[in-house]
Each structure stands twice: as C-alpha cells, then as structure tokens.
Protein backbone atom coordinates (compact mmCIF):
# COMPACT_ATOMS: atom_id res chain seq x y z
CA MET A 1 61.41 60.73 108.65
CA LYS A 2 62.40 58.34 105.86
CA ARG A 3 61.01 60.77 103.32
CA ILE A 4 63.02 63.63 104.84
CA LEU A 5 66.22 61.59 104.81
CA ALA A 6 65.59 60.44 101.26
CA SER A 7 64.95 64.01 100.13
CA ALA A 8 68.13 65.21 101.83
CA LEU A 9 70.17 62.44 100.22
CA PHE A 10 68.66 63.20 96.82
CA PHE A 11 69.54 66.89 97.26
CA ILE A 12 73.13 66.10 98.16
CA LEU A 13 73.53 63.70 95.25
CA ILE A 14 72.01 66.10 92.75
CA PHE A 15 73.64 69.23 94.17
CA PRO A 16 76.94 68.05 95.74
CA ASN A 17 78.58 71.46 95.38
CA PHE A 18 75.94 73.00 97.65
CA THR A 19 77.19 70.86 100.53
CA ILE A 20 80.81 71.77 99.78
CA TYR A 21 79.87 75.46 99.46
CA SER A 22 78.14 75.39 102.84
CA GLU A 23 81.16 73.69 104.42
CA ALA A 24 83.43 76.38 102.96
CA LYS A 25 81.30 79.14 104.49
CA ASP A 26 81.34 77.31 107.83
CA SER A 27 85.12 77.23 107.72
CA ILE A 28 85.39 80.90 106.79
CA LEU A 29 83.11 82.12 109.58
CA GLU A 30 84.69 79.88 112.22
CA GLU A 31 88.12 81.35 111.43
CA ILE A 32 86.88 84.74 112.69
CA THR A 33 87.50 84.36 116.40
CA GLU A 34 87.44 86.61 119.43
CA GLU A 35 91.22 86.30 119.62
CA VAL A 36 91.62 87.71 116.10
CA ILE A 37 89.20 90.60 116.74
CA LYS A 38 90.87 91.40 120.07
CA GLU A 39 94.32 91.39 118.47
CA TYR A 40 93.34 94.03 115.93
CA ILE A 41 91.32 96.27 118.25
CA LEU A 42 94.08 96.29 120.86
CA ALA A 43 96.78 97.04 118.29
CA LEU A 44 94.87 100.03 116.90
CA GLN A 45 93.91 101.32 120.35
CA ASN A 46 97.56 101.28 121.39
CA PHE A 47 98.47 103.88 118.77
CA GLY A 48 96.50 106.33 120.93
CA PRO A 49 94.16 108.93 119.44
CA ARG A 50 94.42 108.51 115.65
CA VAL A 51 93.56 112.02 114.52
CA THR A 52 93.58 112.45 110.75
CA GLY A 53 96.94 113.79 109.60
CA SER A 54 98.72 112.96 112.87
CA LYS A 55 101.69 110.65 113.33
CA ALA A 56 99.53 108.20 115.29
CA CYS A 57 97.04 108.02 112.43
CA ASN A 58 99.85 107.53 109.91
CA ASP A 59 101.40 104.79 112.07
CA ALA A 60 98.02 103.07 112.34
CA GLY A 61 97.61 103.27 108.58
CA ASN A 62 101.02 101.67 108.07
CA TYR A 63 100.08 98.90 110.50
CA ILE A 64 96.87 98.21 108.55
CA LEU A 65 98.83 98.19 105.28
CA GLN A 66 101.33 95.68 106.69
CA GLU A 67 98.52 93.45 107.94
CA PHE A 68 96.78 93.55 104.57
CA GLN A 69 100.04 92.72 102.80
CA LYS A 70 100.37 89.50 104.81
CA TYR A 71 97.29 88.23 103.00
CA VAL A 72 96.40 90.29 99.90
CA PRO A 73 97.96 92.84 97.53
CA ALA A 74 97.53 96.24 99.19
CA ARG A 75 98.41 99.92 98.81
CA LYS A 76 98.09 103.36 100.39
CA ILE A 77 96.00 105.88 98.45
CA GLN A 78 96.62 109.53 99.23
CA TRP A 79 93.67 111.90 99.31
CA GLU A 80 93.28 115.65 99.73
CA TYR A 81 90.14 117.50 100.71
CA SER A 82 89.96 121.14 101.76
CA SER A 83 92.87 121.63 104.18
CA TYR A 84 93.23 117.93 104.98
CA ARG A 85 95.57 115.34 103.48
CA ASP A 86 95.92 111.71 104.48
CA TYR A 87 95.70 108.11 103.23
CA ASN A 88 93.13 105.41 102.62
CA ILE A 89 94.42 101.84 102.80
CA GLU A 90 93.15 99.31 100.26
CA GLY A 91 93.61 95.56 99.88
CA GLU A 92 92.11 93.45 97.12
CA ILE A 93 91.22 89.92 96.07
CA LYS A 94 90.97 90.11 92.30
CA GLY A 95 87.95 88.69 90.50
CA ASP A 96 86.00 90.05 87.55
CA GLU A 97 85.01 93.69 86.95
CA GLN A 98 82.22 93.60 89.54
CA ILE A 99 83.52 95.03 92.83
CA PHE A 100 82.28 94.55 96.38
CA ILE A 101 83.75 96.54 99.28
CA VAL A 102 83.97 95.97 103.02
CA CYS A 103 85.18 99.11 104.79
CA ALA A 104 85.65 101.03 108.03
CA HIS A 105 87.49 104.16 109.22
CA TYR A 106 90.72 104.01 111.19
CA ASP A 107 90.93 107.62 112.41
CA SER A 108 89.50 108.73 115.75
CA VAL A 109 88.69 112.02 117.48
CA PRO A 110 91.26 113.84 119.66
CA ASN A 111 91.73 112.32 123.12
CA SER A 112 90.03 109.05 122.18
CA PRO A 113 91.87 105.78 121.46
CA GLY A 114 88.79 104.76 119.46
CA ALA A 115 88.46 101.08 120.38
CA ASP A 116 84.83 100.97 119.32
CA ASP A 117 84.89 104.04 117.07
CA ASP A 118 86.18 102.55 114.91
CA ALA A 119 88.89 99.99 115.67
CA SER A 120 86.04 97.48 115.99
CA GLY A 121 85.03 98.07 112.36
CA VAL A 122 88.63 97.99 111.13
CA ALA A 123 89.13 94.71 113.00
CA ALA A 124 86.26 93.22 110.99
CA VAL A 125 87.83 94.43 107.73
CA LEU A 126 91.26 93.05 108.66
CA ALA A 127 89.73 89.74 109.74
CA ALA A 128 87.84 89.58 106.45
CA ALA A 129 91.08 89.98 104.47
CA ARG A 130 92.81 87.43 106.68
CA VAL A 131 90.28 84.64 106.15
CA LEU A 132 88.99 85.38 102.63
CA SER A 133 92.53 85.49 101.22
CA ASN A 134 92.53 81.69 101.37
CA TYR A 135 89.71 81.50 98.82
CA ASN A 136 88.94 82.72 95.32
CA PHE A 137 85.84 84.56 94.24
CA GLU A 138 83.95 85.28 91.04
CA HIS A 139 83.87 89.01 91.79
CA THR A 140 86.51 91.40 93.12
CA ILE A 141 86.60 92.09 96.86
CA ARG A 142 88.19 95.25 98.21
CA PHE A 143 89.09 95.78 101.85
CA VAL A 144 89.28 99.52 102.50
CA THR A 145 89.98 101.59 105.61
CA PHE A 146 89.50 105.34 105.50
CA SER A 147 90.89 108.27 107.40
CA GLY A 148 89.13 111.63 107.56
CA GLU A 149 85.81 110.13 108.67
CA GLU A 150 85.65 112.23 111.83
CA GLN A 151 86.19 115.41 109.81
CA GLY A 152 83.21 114.71 107.58
CA LEU A 153 83.71 111.41 105.66
CA LEU A 154 86.61 112.96 103.76
CA GLY A 155 88.65 109.89 102.85
CA SER A 156 85.64 107.88 101.74
CA HIS A 157 84.24 110.86 99.82
CA GLU A 158 87.39 111.07 97.72
CA TYR A 159 87.53 107.29 97.27
CA ALA A 160 83.92 107.10 96.06
CA ARG A 161 84.29 110.20 93.89
CA LEU A 162 87.32 108.78 92.08
CA ALA A 163 85.58 105.42 91.68
CA ARG A 164 82.65 107.15 90.00
CA GLU A 165 84.97 109.16 87.75
CA ARG A 166 86.61 105.88 86.68
CA ASN A 167 83.16 104.34 86.18
CA GLU A 168 84.06 101.44 88.48
CA SER A 169 81.38 98.78 88.88
CA ILE A 170 81.03 98.82 92.66
CA ASP A 171 77.90 96.73 93.19
CA GLY A 172 77.79 96.65 96.98
CA VAL A 173 79.47 98.20 100.02
CA LEU A 174 79.44 96.92 103.61
CA ASN A 175 80.49 99.63 106.08
CA ALA A 176 81.35 98.70 109.68
CA ASP A 177 81.41 101.57 112.18
CA MET A 178 81.07 100.93 115.93
CA ILE A 179 80.19 97.23 116.06
CA GLY A 180 81.69 96.23 119.40
CA TYR A 181 79.60 97.65 122.25
CA ALA A 182 76.70 95.94 124.01
CA LYS A 183 75.58 96.43 127.60
CA SER A 184 72.46 94.23 127.88
CA GLU A 185 71.26 90.85 126.70
CA ASN A 186 68.99 92.55 124.17
CA GLY A 187 71.92 94.55 122.85
CA ARG A 188 74.03 91.43 122.47
CA LYS A 189 71.37 89.79 120.34
CA ARG A 190 70.72 92.65 117.94
CA VAL A 191 72.49 94.73 115.32
CA ILE A 192 71.34 97.66 113.20
CA ILE A 193 71.81 97.76 109.44
CA GLN A 194 71.09 101.07 107.77
CA GLU A 195 69.97 100.82 104.14
CA THR A 196 68.45 102.64 101.21
CA ASP A 197 65.73 101.35 98.89
CA SER A 198 68.39 100.24 96.41
CA SER A 199 70.51 98.42 99.02
CA MET A 200 67.74 96.50 100.77
CA TRP A 201 68.84 93.37 98.90
CA ILE A 202 72.14 93.48 100.80
CA THR A 203 70.33 93.58 104.14
CA ASN A 204 68.20 90.65 102.96
CA LEU A 205 71.41 88.64 102.40
CA SER A 206 72.61 89.56 105.89
CA ILE A 207 69.33 88.41 107.41
CA ASN A 208 69.58 85.08 105.60
CA ILE A 209 73.19 84.61 106.75
CA SER A 210 72.29 85.35 110.37
CA MET A 211 69.46 82.82 110.24
CA GLU A 212 71.54 80.17 108.48
CA TYR A 213 74.38 80.48 110.99
CA GLU A 214 72.36 81.23 114.09
CA ASP A 215 74.65 79.10 116.26
CA ILE A 216 77.77 81.22 115.56
CA ILE A 217 76.17 84.58 114.65
CA GLY A 218 72.82 84.67 116.44
CA LEU A 219 71.91 88.28 115.67
CA GLU A 220 68.50 89.78 115.06
CA ILE A 221 68.79 92.49 112.44
CA TYR A 222 67.00 95.82 112.82
CA ARG A 223 66.60 97.72 109.57
CA GLU A 224 66.87 101.52 109.59
CA ARG A 225 66.85 104.16 106.90
CA SER A 226 70.34 105.29 106.01
CA GLN A 227 71.68 108.42 107.68
CA PRO A 228 74.71 110.44 106.47
CA TYR A 229 76.80 109.72 109.58
CA SER A 230 79.37 107.20 108.33
CA ASP A 231 81.42 106.27 105.28
CA HIS A 232 78.68 104.28 103.55
CA HIS A 233 77.02 107.60 102.76
CA SER A 234 79.92 108.63 100.50
CA PHE A 235 79.14 105.69 98.26
CA ILE A 236 75.40 106.32 98.34
CA ARG A 237 76.09 109.93 97.36
CA TYR A 238 77.84 108.72 94.20
CA GLY A 239 75.13 106.24 93.27
CA TYR A 240 76.46 103.02 94.78
CA ASN A 241 74.56 100.50 96.90
CA ALA A 242 75.78 100.50 100.50
CA THR A 243 74.72 99.37 103.97
CA PHE A 244 75.99 100.38 107.40
CA PHE A 245 76.46 97.89 110.27
CA PHE A 246 76.05 99.56 113.67
CA GLU A 247 75.70 98.31 117.25
CA TYR A 248 72.17 98.18 118.64
CA GLU A 249 72.98 100.01 121.90
CA PHE A 250 74.85 103.28 121.52
CA ASN A 251 78.25 103.35 123.22
CA ASP A 252 78.22 105.31 126.50
CA TYR A 253 81.93 106.09 126.00
CA TYR A 254 81.59 107.45 122.45
CA HIS A 255 84.23 110.07 121.51
CA SER A 256 85.87 109.95 124.92
CA SER A 257 89.15 108.85 126.46
CA GLU A 258 87.30 105.82 127.85
CA ASP A 259 86.56 104.28 124.45
CA THR A 260 88.92 101.42 125.24
CA ILE A 261 88.96 97.67 124.67
CA ASP A 262 87.78 96.85 128.20
CA LYS A 263 84.40 98.35 127.20
CA ILE A 264 84.18 96.13 124.12
CA ASP A 265 82.05 92.98 124.12
CA LEU A 266 84.41 90.81 122.07
CA ASN A 267 81.86 88.05 121.56
CA TYR A 268 79.39 90.55 120.13
CA ALA A 269 82.03 92.22 117.92
CA THR A 270 83.07 88.81 116.60
CA ARG A 271 79.53 87.81 115.73
CA VAL A 272 78.91 91.07 113.89
CA ALA A 273 82.18 90.59 112.00
CA ARG A 274 81.06 87.08 111.02
CA LEU A 275 77.77 88.52 109.77
CA ILE A 276 79.61 91.05 107.61
CA VAL A 277 82.02 88.47 106.20
CA GLY A 278 79.23 85.99 105.54
CA THR A 279 77.34 88.66 103.63
CA MET A 280 80.45 89.44 101.57
CA VAL A 281 80.91 85.76 100.69
CA GLU A 282 77.33 85.68 99.39
CA MET A 283 77.86 88.81 97.29
CA ALA A 284 81.29 88.01 95.86
CA LYS A 285 80.51 84.30 95.24
CA LEU A 286 83.10 81.62 95.84
CA LYS A 287 84.56 80.22 92.65
CA GLU A 288 83.71 76.71 91.49
CA ASP A 289 86.96 75.36 92.95
CA TYR A 290 87.38 76.87 96.38
CA ILE A 291 88.73 73.74 98.07
CA LYS A 292 92.33 73.97 99.21
CA PRO A 293 94.82 71.49 97.74
CA SER A 294 96.58 68.94 99.92
CA ILE A 295 100.31 68.90 100.55
CA HIS A 296 102.56 66.91 102.85
CA ILE A 297 106.34 66.99 103.23
CA GLU A 298 107.40 63.35 103.12
CA LYS A 299 111.11 63.98 103.59
CA PRO A 300 112.70 64.80 105.94
CA LYS A 301 110.46 63.28 108.61
CA ALA A 302 110.47 64.45 112.21
CA GLY A 303 112.27 62.02 114.50
CA TYR A 304 114.77 60.63 111.98
CA LEU A 305 118.49 60.98 111.33
CA TYR A 306 119.58 61.59 107.72
CA PHE A 307 123.11 61.30 106.33
CA ASN A 308 123.83 62.62 102.82
CA ASP A 309 120.18 62.41 101.77
CA LYS A 310 119.56 58.92 103.18
CA GLU A 311 117.31 58.04 106.10
CA ILE A 312 119.43 56.23 108.72
CA ILE A 313 117.70 55.64 112.06
CA PRO A 314 114.89 57.05 114.24
CA VAL A 315 115.88 59.60 116.89
CA ARG A 316 113.97 60.72 119.95
CA MET A 317 113.35 64.30 118.87
CA ASN A 318 110.41 66.27 117.52
CA CYS A 319 112.46 67.37 114.52
CA SER A 320 114.87 65.62 112.17
CA ILE A 321 118.66 65.60 112.32
CA ILE A 322 120.47 66.04 109.00
CA ILE A 323 124.17 65.59 108.26
CA GLY A 324 125.23 66.66 104.80
CA ARG A 325 122.84 67.53 101.99
CA ILE A 326 119.10 66.73 101.94
CA THR A 327 116.36 66.66 99.29
CA VAL A 328 113.04 67.94 100.57
CA GLU A 329 110.24 65.89 99.01
CA ALA A 330 106.57 66.88 99.04
CA ILE A 331 103.42 65.13 97.87
CA ALA A 332 100.69 67.49 96.59
CA PHE A 333 97.34 66.84 94.95
CA ASP A 334 94.05 68.56 94.21
CA ASN A 335 91.00 66.64 93.07
CA GLU A 336 89.17 69.69 91.75
CA SER A 337 91.46 71.55 89.35
CA GLY A 338 94.89 69.99 89.88
CA ILE A 339 98.22 71.34 91.17
CA ASP A 340 99.67 74.33 89.35
CA ARG A 341 102.93 74.55 91.33
CA VAL A 342 104.65 73.99 94.65
CA GLU A 343 106.84 76.70 96.19
CA PHE A 344 109.62 75.81 98.63
CA TYR A 345 110.82 78.28 101.27
CA LEU A 346 113.82 78.06 103.57
CA ASP A 347 113.44 80.23 106.67
CA GLY A 348 110.88 82.37 104.85
CA GLU A 349 112.95 82.88 101.68
CA ILE A 350 111.66 81.32 98.48
CA LYS A 351 114.16 78.82 97.06
CA LYS A 352 112.38 76.88 94.33
CA VAL A 353 109.15 76.79 92.34
CA ASP A 354 108.38 73.29 91.07
CA GLY A 355 105.69 72.90 88.42
CA GLU A 356 105.78 69.13 88.02
CA ALA A 357 105.58 66.12 90.30
CA PRO A 358 107.54 64.76 92.04
CA TYR A 359 107.90 68.04 93.95
CA ASN A 360 111.30 68.48 95.56
CA TYR A 361 113.99 70.95 96.56
CA SER A 362 117.62 70.09 97.32
CA ILE A 363 119.42 71.81 100.17
CA ASP A 364 123.08 71.55 99.22
CA GLU A 365 124.38 74.86 100.54
CA ARG A 366 126.45 75.44 103.65
CA ILE A 367 123.98 75.52 106.50
CA LEU A 368 124.06 74.79 110.23
CA PHE A 369 121.76 74.34 113.20
CA LEU A 370 117.96 74.82 113.39
CA HIS A 371 116.01 75.77 110.26
CA LYS A 372 112.53 75.54 108.76
CA VAL A 373 111.32 74.52 105.30
CA GLU A 374 107.83 75.34 104.05
CA ALA A 375 106.15 73.87 100.97
CA ILE A 376 103.12 75.73 99.58
CA ALA A 377 100.88 74.07 96.98
CA TYR A 378 98.81 76.16 94.53
CA ASP A 379 95.95 74.73 92.51
CA PHE A 380 94.80 76.26 89.21
CA TYR A 381 92.26 78.46 91.02
CA ASN A 382 95.07 79.84 93.19
CA ASN A 383 93.82 78.12 96.33
CA THR A 384 96.76 77.31 98.59
CA GLN A 385 97.80 74.94 101.36
CA LYS A 386 101.13 74.57 103.11
CA ASP A 387 103.14 72.16 105.21
CA GLU A 388 106.37 72.76 107.08
CA VAL A 389 109.16 70.89 108.82
CA ARG A 390 111.87 71.94 111.24
CA PHE A 391 115.27 70.29 111.34
CA ILE A 392 118.74 70.55 112.75
CA ILE A 393 121.33 70.35 110.00
CA PHE A 394 125.10 70.15 109.74
CA SER A 395 126.07 70.69 106.12
CA ILE A 396 129.48 72.24 105.37
C-alpha cells in the first residue's frame, strides 16, 4: 500500500497537470444533467413534427440557433438539394485548423414529434455547446444540426460536400441519432457505435472514456460496421472519419406519433451524451490553461446600506440598499495565465471593460429600484468566470 501511495504521489508531483486535466473533465461531464437533456428534448418535441422545409422545422432551427448563440458564435447555413431547401445550424469553438464535429439532425418525419429521432441527439449537441463553451481547446469544435436527414441525409451531404471542396481538415465526427430509448436493464447498460476501419480510433477513445468514468457513464460499447442510415455517412462518403452513436435497443415508437419524451429514458440519454462529450474533449484537447479565473464583487455587499459610495450600516436584507451613486468594485485573479479584462454589465447591458486592476465601474446615472450588476473576468486563454449582485438603488 505504501508503494502504491508513494507512486501516486510521485505521479501527481511529476505530472500535476494530469490531475487538473482529469478534474476538468469531471466537471464537464457532471454539468450534463438529466434536467438539461430533458429541457432540450421537450422544447424540440413541442414544435410538433419537424418536417424539412416546414414552418415547424424552421422554428426548431431558429430555437437551436438561439440556444447556440447563448454560448458560442453560431449561424444558419442554407442548403439546396434536388427539390429541397432548408438550413443547417452550426456553432463553433475556435481552435487551430484541425476540426472536430459533434452533430445530429433536427428534422423528423410527418406525424412524429421526434423525441428520440432525433431530439435526443440534438439535445446532446446543445448540451455539448453549453458546457464546452466554458473551456478552450487546441483544436476547433463545431456543433452542427442538420435538416433533410429523413429525406436522405440531404443537409449533411451538402455540408460535407462543401467542406471537402474547401479542403477543410475535419479529423473526426461524432454523430448522435436516437440515443434516448432503452426498455431493459441490458439496454440501459449498452450503446452501439458504428465505425469504419479509419474511425476505429474514435471508438477506442469512447471505450476508454466510458471505462474511466464508469460511475457517471457506465456504458458497454458495442462496435458495429458503419451503415449509410444517418448523417455520419455523409462525412464518410467525402473521406472523413466519423462514428455513429445509436441506442442498443431499437425504439418501438420509431417514426410514429408516439415518439414522445415519456418514452425516453432520460438517465440513459444523459449517459450517452456524457460519453459523446467526453470523447470530444479527448479529441479536441483542452488547452494548457483551462482553469477558470476567480472573481468576486467586493462592493456593494449584500445586507449593507450605502450613501454616496460609502458603506454606512448593515441592513436585514439579502441585497444592498444604495442611495446616490455607487462604485462597483471587483477582485479578479488567475494563477495560470493572468486576467486579461473584466466586463461589467448592468441588467444585461455591457457598461465597462476594465483591463487593469483595481477593477471597478461607477454607476452615476439616474436609476431607481431593483437592479443587477454582473462582473465577468476573462483570462488570457479566454476562460471566464462571473459574479453578480442585486441591489435596490435610489439615484436621481
């Protein structure tokens, strides 16, 4: 036992970043919760059948775009194929020229709200953007949702074709299509990954991730040869490495009006989403400094009365009371790469960018009643952390 402990200590001392890296992955995967997956599946289901080219499909695409834009730069990309025209939705975390993609399709067949096929996959992509946006990576990550899948992989075909024409370096693609249904204990413990000879290395990463995080993923991976039945095949067709994540037990409600969220096993869908995101983290590689900075708003403090920028007395409230002007003061630090800047927001509107300590922002405008100030710290790797305070103010 002493030898084991000594070896572990030696490893940590010699390779301290390994421990930090592992902790970062833990944090990322734990942020993907059943509540998050449920939120996205339910929202997409509620648009009704999302048939390519329909209003419902367009509305769903706009919803996905808006969700992406909360976390990453995003855009709609129009495509045309045969008699069809619609949009793919793409978000991105910028790294170097190497590109890794996590994708799913947001359209469904007529008469089906498509909770499993494929709101479950889109939920994984949206959750990936939501949690990975807090970190920086060596390589570029794209989050892509396609329409036209049910008509023959149309949206993904055009996306992959244009990528090949531009000679884009897409080194790996993770496609999620129907990852939320399980009806037995065996089904809940297993997931299928379809692969080609050239993409087996991606499946190997997924297997390692599932074993490393057995307590929060706990999935046995079944390898299958790739079949041309989902959007990963568009990338394979144009020479890119891609794998396809697919539930172990086929959904009894496939392509029917009963493909609804009450048939989804949210715990299973969440664990598959964690597996996908964990695999992406391994491929895209967290940057050397992926630790968030620290920030704390020192002034105003909750539970104090301020008069013309001076702290007067404590008050029995969970916010501060301010009469006259106030200077918001924040303390920010980052032990890895240092603080680049602190942004101050008043009720969601940016008011000041401060590039040097001490970090502060003066509220000297006419303002009344309840408001909120947020301070967001950025380090030099663009990692962020924020703090906020609420206060009641009377400044005329």
